[in-house]
Amino acid sequence: MFLAGHAGLFVAYGLLLAPARGAAVGVVVLVLHGAFYAATDGVLMAAAAGSVPARLRSSGLALVQTGQAGARFACSLLFGAAWTAWGAHTALAAATAALAGCTVAVVAVRPGQVAR
């Protein structure tokens, strides 16, 4: 499910990079972005819950969420810097390539985990 959410984000990025424009594209991109959050945030918490001792579960999950929020904040700053330096299209293409690369790396490193 986690990778499926990222696949949806990848498709959304592709739609933004495509020459097609219009309200329908915007709606589809927003739906895919929402599906990305739905498929990743809850799944991450469920996966992390199993590796945290019961007595520390709330603190452990809070730490995971804090790390995720911090990473998203850092990425937003880097994306903004790339947008400023390279322009919107190149920055989004770089982010799409990075997402694809990370997805391939996860599948290569943890093939048994991906199938679940």
N, C-alpha and C. Protein backbone atom coordinates (compact mmCIF):
# COMPACT_ATOMS: atom_id res chain seq x y z
N MET A 1 0.83 -1.19 0.00
CA MET A 1 0.00 0.00 0.00
C MET A 1 0.87 1.26 0.00
N PHE A 2 1.96 1.20 0.78
CA PHE A 2 2.85 2.35 0.88
C PHE A 2 3.42 2.71 -0.49
N LEU A 3 3.88 1.71 -1.23
CA LEU A 3 4.42 1.98 -2.57
C LEU A 3 3.33 2.39 -3.54
N ALA A 4 2.13 1.87 -3.37
CA ALA A 4 1.02 2.28 -4.24
C ALA A 4 0.72 3.77 -4.07
N GLY A 5 0.81 4.26 -2.85
CA GLY A 5 0.63 5.69 -2.61
C GLY A 5 1.68 6.52 -3.33
N HIS A 6 2.91 6.03 -3.31
CA HIS A 6 3.98 6.74 -4.01
C HIS A 6 3.82 6.63 -5.53
N ALA A 7 3.27 5.52 -6.00
CA ALA A 7 2.98 5.40 -7.43
C ALA A 7 1.95 6.44 -7.85
N GLY A 8 0.94 6.66 -7.02
CA GLY A 8 -0.04 7.70 -7.31
C GLY A 8 0.58 9.08 -7.35
N LEU A 9 1.50 9.34 -6.44
CA LEU A 9 2.21 10.62 -6.43
C LEU A 9 3.04 10.77 -7.70
N PHE A 10 3.67 9.68 -8.12
CA PHE A 10 4.46 9.68 -9.36
C PHE A 10 3.57 10.03 -10.56
N VAL A 11 2.39 9.45 -10.62
CA VAL A 11 1.45 9.76 -11.71
C VAL A 11 1.03 11.22 -11.64
N ALA A 12 0.79 11.73 -10.44
CA ALA A 12 0.42 13.14 -10.30
C ALA A 12 1.54 14.05 -10.81
N TYR A 13 2.78 13.73 -10.45
CA TYR A 13 3.91 14.51 -10.96
C TYR A 13 3.97 14.45 -12.49
N GLY A 14 3.73 13.25 -13.03
CA GLY A 14 3.74 13.10 -14.48
C GLY A 14 2.68 13.95 -15.16
N LEU A 15 1.51 14.00 -14.56
CA LEU A 15 0.44 14.84 -15.12
C LEU A 15 0.83 16.32 -15.07
N LEU A 16 1.50 16.72 -14.00
CA LEU A 16 1.93 18.12 -13.91
C LEU A 16 3.01 18.45 -14.94
N LEU A 17 3.82 17.45 -15.28
CA LEU A 17 4.87 17.67 -16.28
C LEU A 17 4.35 17.59 -17.71
N ALA A 18 3.21 16.92 -17.90
CA ALA A 18 2.64 16.75 -19.24
C ALA A 18 2.11 18.08 -19.76
N PRO A 19 2.02 18.19 -21.08
CA PRO A 19 1.52 19.44 -21.66
C PRO A 19 0.02 19.67 -21.45
N ALA A 20 -0.70 18.63 -21.05
CA ALA A 20 -2.15 18.77 -20.86
C ALA A 20 -2.44 19.75 -19.72
N ARG A 21 -3.46 20.55 -19.90
CA ARG A 21 -3.85 21.52 -18.88
C ARG A 21 -5.36 21.49 -18.73
N GLY A 22 -5.85 22.16 -17.73
CA GLY A 22 -7.29 22.27 -17.54
C GLY A 22 -7.70 21.87 -16.15
N ALA A 23 -8.95 22.12 -15.84
CA ALA A 23 -9.49 21.84 -14.52
C ALA A 23 -9.47 20.35 -14.20
N ALA A 24 -9.72 19.52 -15.21
CA ALA A 24 -9.75 18.08 -14.97
C ALA A 24 -8.39 17.57 -14.50
N VAL A 25 -7.32 18.08 -15.10
CA VAL A 25 -5.97 17.67 -14.68
C VAL A 25 -5.74 18.10 -13.24
N GLY A 26 -6.14 19.30 -12.90
CA GLY A 26 -5.98 19.78 -11.53
C GLY A 26 -6.74 18.93 -10.53
N VAL A 27 -7.94 18.55 -10.87
CA VAL A 27 -8.74 17.71 -9.97
C VAL A 27 -8.09 16.34 -9.80
N VAL A 28 -7.64 15.75 -10.90
CA VAL A 28 -7.01 14.43 -10.82
C VAL A 28 -5.73 14.50 -9.99
N VAL A 29 -4.94 15.54 -10.18
CA VAL A 29 -3.71 15.70 -9.40
C VAL A 29 -4.03 15.83 -7.91
N LEU A 30 -5.04 16.61 -7.57
CA LEU A 30 -5.42 16.75 -6.16
C LEU A 30 -5.92 15.44 -5.57
N VAL A 31 -6.70 14.69 -6.34
CA VAL A 31 -7.18 13.38 -5.86
C VAL A 31 -6.01 12.43 -5.66
N LEU A 32 -5.08 12.40 -6.61
CA LEU A 32 -3.92 11.52 -6.47
C LEU A 32 -3.04 11.93 -5.28
N HIS A 33 -2.91 13.21 -5.06
CA HIS A 33 -2.11 13.68 -3.91
C HIS A 33 -2.79 13.31 -2.60
N GLY A 34 -4.09 13.43 -2.54
CA GLY A 34 -4.83 13.01 -1.36
C GLY A 34 -4.73 11.50 -1.14
N ALA A 35 -4.79 10.74 -2.23
CA ALA A 35 -4.65 9.29 -2.13
C ALA A 35 -3.25 8.92 -1.65
N PHE A 36 -2.25 9.68 -2.07
CA PHE A 36 -0.89 9.45 -1.60
C PHE A 36 -0.82 9.58 -0.08
N TYR A 37 -1.38 10.65 0.46
CA TYR A 37 -1.39 10.82 1.92
C TYR A 37 -2.18 9.72 2.61
N ALA A 38 -3.31 9.36 2.05
CA ALA A 38 -4.14 8.31 2.66
C ALA A 38 -3.43 6.97 2.66
N ALA A 39 -2.66 6.69 1.62
CA ALA A 39 -2.00 5.39 1.49
C ALA A 39 -0.66 5.33 2.21
N THR A 40 -0.14 6.46 2.65
CA THR A 40 1.18 6.44 3.26
C THR A 40 1.18 6.76 4.75
N ASP A 41 0.48 7.78 5.17
CA ASP A 41 0.55 8.19 6.58
C ASP A 41 0.06 7.10 7.53
N GLY A 42 -1.10 6.56 7.27
CA GLY A 42 -1.64 5.52 8.13
C GLY A 42 -0.84 4.23 8.07
N VAL A 43 -0.37 3.90 6.88
CA VAL A 43 0.42 2.68 6.72
C VAL A 43 1.75 2.81 7.46
N LEU A 44 2.36 3.97 7.41
CA LEU A 44 3.60 4.19 8.14
C LEU A 44 3.39 4.01 9.63
N MET A 45 2.32 4.57 10.15
CA MET A 45 2.04 4.43 11.59
C MET A 45 1.77 2.97 11.96
N ALA A 46 1.06 2.27 11.11
CA ALA A 46 0.77 0.85 11.38
C ALA A 46 2.05 0.03 11.34
N ALA A 47 2.93 0.33 10.40
CA ALA A 47 4.19 -0.41 10.30
C ALA A 47 5.09 -0.10 11.49
N ALA A 48 5.12 1.15 11.90
CA ALA A 48 5.98 1.54 13.03
C ALA A 48 5.45 1.00 14.34
N ALA A 49 4.15 0.88 14.48
CA ALA A 49 3.55 0.43 15.74
C ALA A 49 4.04 -0.96 16.13
N GLY A 50 4.27 -1.81 15.15
CA GLY A 50 4.73 -3.16 15.44
C GLY A 50 6.16 -3.24 15.92
N SER A 51 6.94 -2.20 15.69
CA SER A 51 8.34 -2.24 16.09
C SER A 51 8.63 -1.42 17.35
N VAL A 52 7.60 -0.86 17.93
CA VAL A 52 7.76 -0.06 19.15
C VAL A 52 7.13 -0.82 20.32
N PRO A 53 7.83 -0.94 21.44
CA PRO A 53 7.24 -1.63 22.59
C PRO A 53 5.93 -0.97 23.01
N ALA A 54 4.99 -1.77 23.49
CA ALA A 54 3.65 -1.27 23.84
C ALA A 54 3.71 -0.12 24.83
N ARG A 55 4.59 -0.18 25.80
CA ARG A 55 4.64 0.88 26.82
C ARG A 55 5.18 2.20 26.26
N LEU A 56 5.84 2.15 25.11
CA LEU A 56 6.39 3.36 24.50
C LEU A 56 5.72 3.70 23.17
N ARG A 57 4.61 3.04 22.89
CA ARG A 57 4.00 3.16 21.56
C ARG A 57 3.61 4.60 21.23
N SER A 58 2.95 5.31 22.11
CA SER A 58 2.52 6.67 21.75
C SER A 58 3.72 7.58 21.55
N SER A 59 4.73 7.47 22.38
CA SER A 59 5.93 8.28 22.20
C SER A 59 6.68 7.89 20.93
N GLY A 60 6.75 6.59 20.68
CA GLY A 60 7.44 6.12 19.48
C GLY A 60 6.76 6.59 18.21
N LEU A 61 5.43 6.50 18.18
CA LEU A 61 4.70 6.95 17.00
C LEU A 61 4.79 8.47 16.84
N ALA A 62 4.81 9.17 17.95
CA ALA A 62 4.99 10.62 17.87
C ALA A 62 6.36 10.97 17.30
N LEU A 63 7.36 10.19 17.68
CA LEU A 63 8.71 10.42 17.16
C LEU A 63 8.76 10.14 15.65
N VAL A 64 8.11 9.07 15.21
CA VAL A 64 8.05 8.75 13.78
C VAL A 64 7.35 9.88 13.03
N GLN A 65 6.24 10.36 13.54
CA GLN A 65 5.50 11.43 12.87
C GLN A 65 6.30 12.72 12.86
N THR A 66 7.01 13.00 13.94
CA THR A 66 7.86 14.20 13.99
C THR A 66 8.97 14.10 12.95
N GLY A 67 9.58 12.92 12.84
CA GLY A 67 10.61 12.73 11.82
C GLY A 67 10.06 12.89 10.42
N GLN A 68 8.88 12.35 10.18
CA GLN A 68 8.25 12.47 8.87
C GLN A 68 7.93 13.94 8.56
N ALA A 69 7.40 14.65 9.52
CA ALA A 69 7.07 16.06 9.31
C ALA A 69 8.35 16.88 9.07
N GLY A 70 9.39 16.58 9.81
CA GLY A 70 10.67 17.27 9.62
C GLY A 70 11.25 17.00 8.24
N ALA A 71 11.16 15.75 7.79
CA ALA A 71 11.66 15.41 6.46
C ALA A 71 10.86 16.12 5.37
N ARG A 72 9.55 16.17 5.54
CA ARG A 72 8.72 16.86 4.55
C ARG A 72 9.02 18.36 4.52
N PHE A 73 9.28 18.93 5.70
CA PHE A 73 9.63 20.35 5.76
C PHE A 73 10.96 20.60 5.04
N ALA A 74 11.95 19.76 5.31
CA ALA A 74 13.25 19.91 4.65
C ALA A 74 13.12 19.75 3.14
N CYS A 75 12.34 18.78 2.72
CA CYS A 75 12.13 18.57 1.29
C CYS A 75 11.41 19.75 0.64
N SER A 76 10.48 20.36 1.37
CA SER A 76 9.79 21.52 0.81
C SER A 76 10.75 22.69 0.62
N LEU A 77 11.68 22.84 1.56
CA LEU A 77 12.69 23.90 1.41
C LEU A 77 13.60 23.61 0.22
N LEU A 78 14.04 22.36 0.09
CA LEU A 78 14.90 22.00 -1.04
C LEU A 78 14.16 22.15 -2.37
N PHE A 79 12.89 21.76 -2.40
CA PHE A 79 12.13 21.90 -3.63
C PHE A 79 11.95 23.38 -3.98
N GLY A 80 11.67 24.21 -2.98
CA GLY A 80 11.55 25.65 -3.22
C GLY A 80 12.84 26.25 -3.75
N ALA A 81 13.96 25.79 -3.20
CA ALA A 81 15.26 26.27 -3.68
C ALA A 81 15.50 25.82 -5.12
N ALA A 82 15.16 24.57 -5.42
CA ALA A 82 15.31 24.07 -6.79
C ALA A 82 14.41 24.83 -7.75
N TRP A 83 13.18 25.10 -7.32
CA TRP A 83 12.24 25.86 -8.15
C TRP A 83 12.82 27.24 -8.46
N THR A 84 13.37 27.89 -7.46
CA THR A 84 13.94 29.22 -7.64
C THR A 84 15.15 29.18 -8.56
N ALA A 85 16.00 28.16 -8.38
CA ALA A 85 17.24 28.09 -9.15
C ALA A 85 17.02 27.57 -10.57
N TRP A 86 16.15 26.58 -10.74
CA TRP A 86 16.03 25.90 -12.02
C TRP A 86 14.72 26.16 -12.75
N GLY A 87 13.72 26.66 -12.06
CA GLY A 87 12.41 26.83 -12.66
C GLY A 87 11.50 25.68 -12.28
N ALA A 88 10.21 25.89 -12.46
CA ALA A 88 9.21 24.93 -12.00
C ALA A 88 9.32 23.58 -12.69
N HIS A 89 9.45 23.57 -14.01
CA HIS A 89 9.45 22.32 -14.75
C HIS A 89 10.66 21.46 -14.40
N THR A 90 11.82 22.05 -14.36
CA THR A 90 13.04 21.29 -14.05
C THR A 90 13.02 20.79 -12.61
N ALA A 91 12.56 21.62 -11.70
CA ALA A 91 12.48 21.20 -10.29
C ALA A 91 11.53 20.03 -10.13
N LEU A 92 10.38 20.08 -10.78
CA LEU A 92 9.42 18.98 -10.69
C LEU A 92 9.94 17.72 -11.38
N ALA A 93 10.64 17.90 -12.50
CA ALA A 93 11.25 16.74 -13.17
C ALA A 93 12.31 16.09 -12.28
N ALA A 94 13.10 16.90 -11.58
CA ALA A 94 14.11 16.36 -10.66
C ALA A 94 13.44 15.63 -9.50
N ALA A 95 12.37 16.20 -8.96
CA ALA A 95 11.64 15.55 -7.87
C ALA A 95 11.03 14.23 -8.33
N THR A 96 10.51 14.20 -9.55
CA THR A 96 9.93 12.98 -10.11
C THR A 96 11.01 11.91 -10.28
N ALA A 97 12.16 12.32 -10.79
CA ALA A 97 13.27 11.37 -10.95
C ALA A 97 13.74 10.85 -9.59
N ALA A 98 13.81 11.72 -8.60
CA ALA A 98 14.22 11.29 -7.26
C ALA A 98 13.20 10.31 -6.66
N LEU A 99 11.92 10.58 -6.85
CA LEU A 99 10.87 9.68 -6.37
C LEU A 99 10.99 8.31 -7.04
N ALA A 100 11.20 8.31 -8.35
CA ALA A 100 11.35 7.04 -9.07
C ALA A 100 12.59 6.29 -8.58
N GLY A 101 13.68 7.00 -8.40
CA GLY A 101 14.91 6.37 -7.93
C GLY A 101 14.76 5.77 -6.54
N CYS A 102 14.12 6.50 -5.65
CA CYS A 102 13.90 6.00 -4.29
C CYS A 102 12.99 4.78 -4.30
N THR A 103 11.98 4.80 -5.14
CA THR A 103 11.05 3.67 -5.23
C THR A 103 11.78 2.42 -5.73
N VAL A 104 12.59 2.58 -6.75
CA VAL A 104 13.37 1.45 -7.28
C VAL A 104 14.33 0.93 -6.21
N ALA A 105 14.96 1.84 -5.47
CA ALA A 105 15.89 1.43 -4.42
C ALA A 105 15.18 0.64 -3.32
N VAL A 106 14.00 1.06 -2.93
CA VAL A 106 13.24 0.34 -1.90
C VAL A 106 12.87 -1.05 -2.38
N VAL A 107 12.43 -1.15 -3.61
CA VAL A 107 12.05 -2.45 -4.16
C VAL A 107 13.29 -3.36 -4.23
N ALA A 108 14.44 -2.80 -4.58
CA ALA A 108 15.67 -3.60 -4.68
C ALA A 108 16.19 -4.04 -3.32
N VAL A 109 16.11 -3.15 -2.34
CA VAL A 109 16.66 -3.45 -1.02
C VAL A 109 15.74 -4.33 -0.18
N ARG A 110 14.43 -4.14 -0.32
CA ARG A 110 13.47 -4.88 0.50
C ARG A 110 12.41 -5.57 -0.35
N PRO A 111 12.81 -6.47 -1.25
CA PRO A 111 11.83 -7.08 -2.15
C PRO A 111 10.76 -7.88 -1.43
N GLY A 112 11.09 -8.56 -0.35
CA GLY A 112 10.09 -9.34 0.38
C GLY A 112 9.07 -8.46 1.08
N GLN A 113 9.48 -7.29 1.51
CA GLN A 113 8.59 -6.36 2.20
C GLN A 113 7.60 -5.71 1.24
N VAL A 114 8.01 -5.52 0.00
CA VAL A 114 7.17 -4.84 -0.98
C VAL A 114 5.96 -5.70 -1.33
N ALA A 115 6.14 -7.00 -1.36
CA ALA A 115 5.07 -7.91 -1.78
C ALA A 115 3.94 -7.98 -0.76
N ARG A 116 4.18 -7.60 0.47
CA ARG A 116 3.16 -7.71 1.51
C ARG A 116 2.06 -6.71 1.35
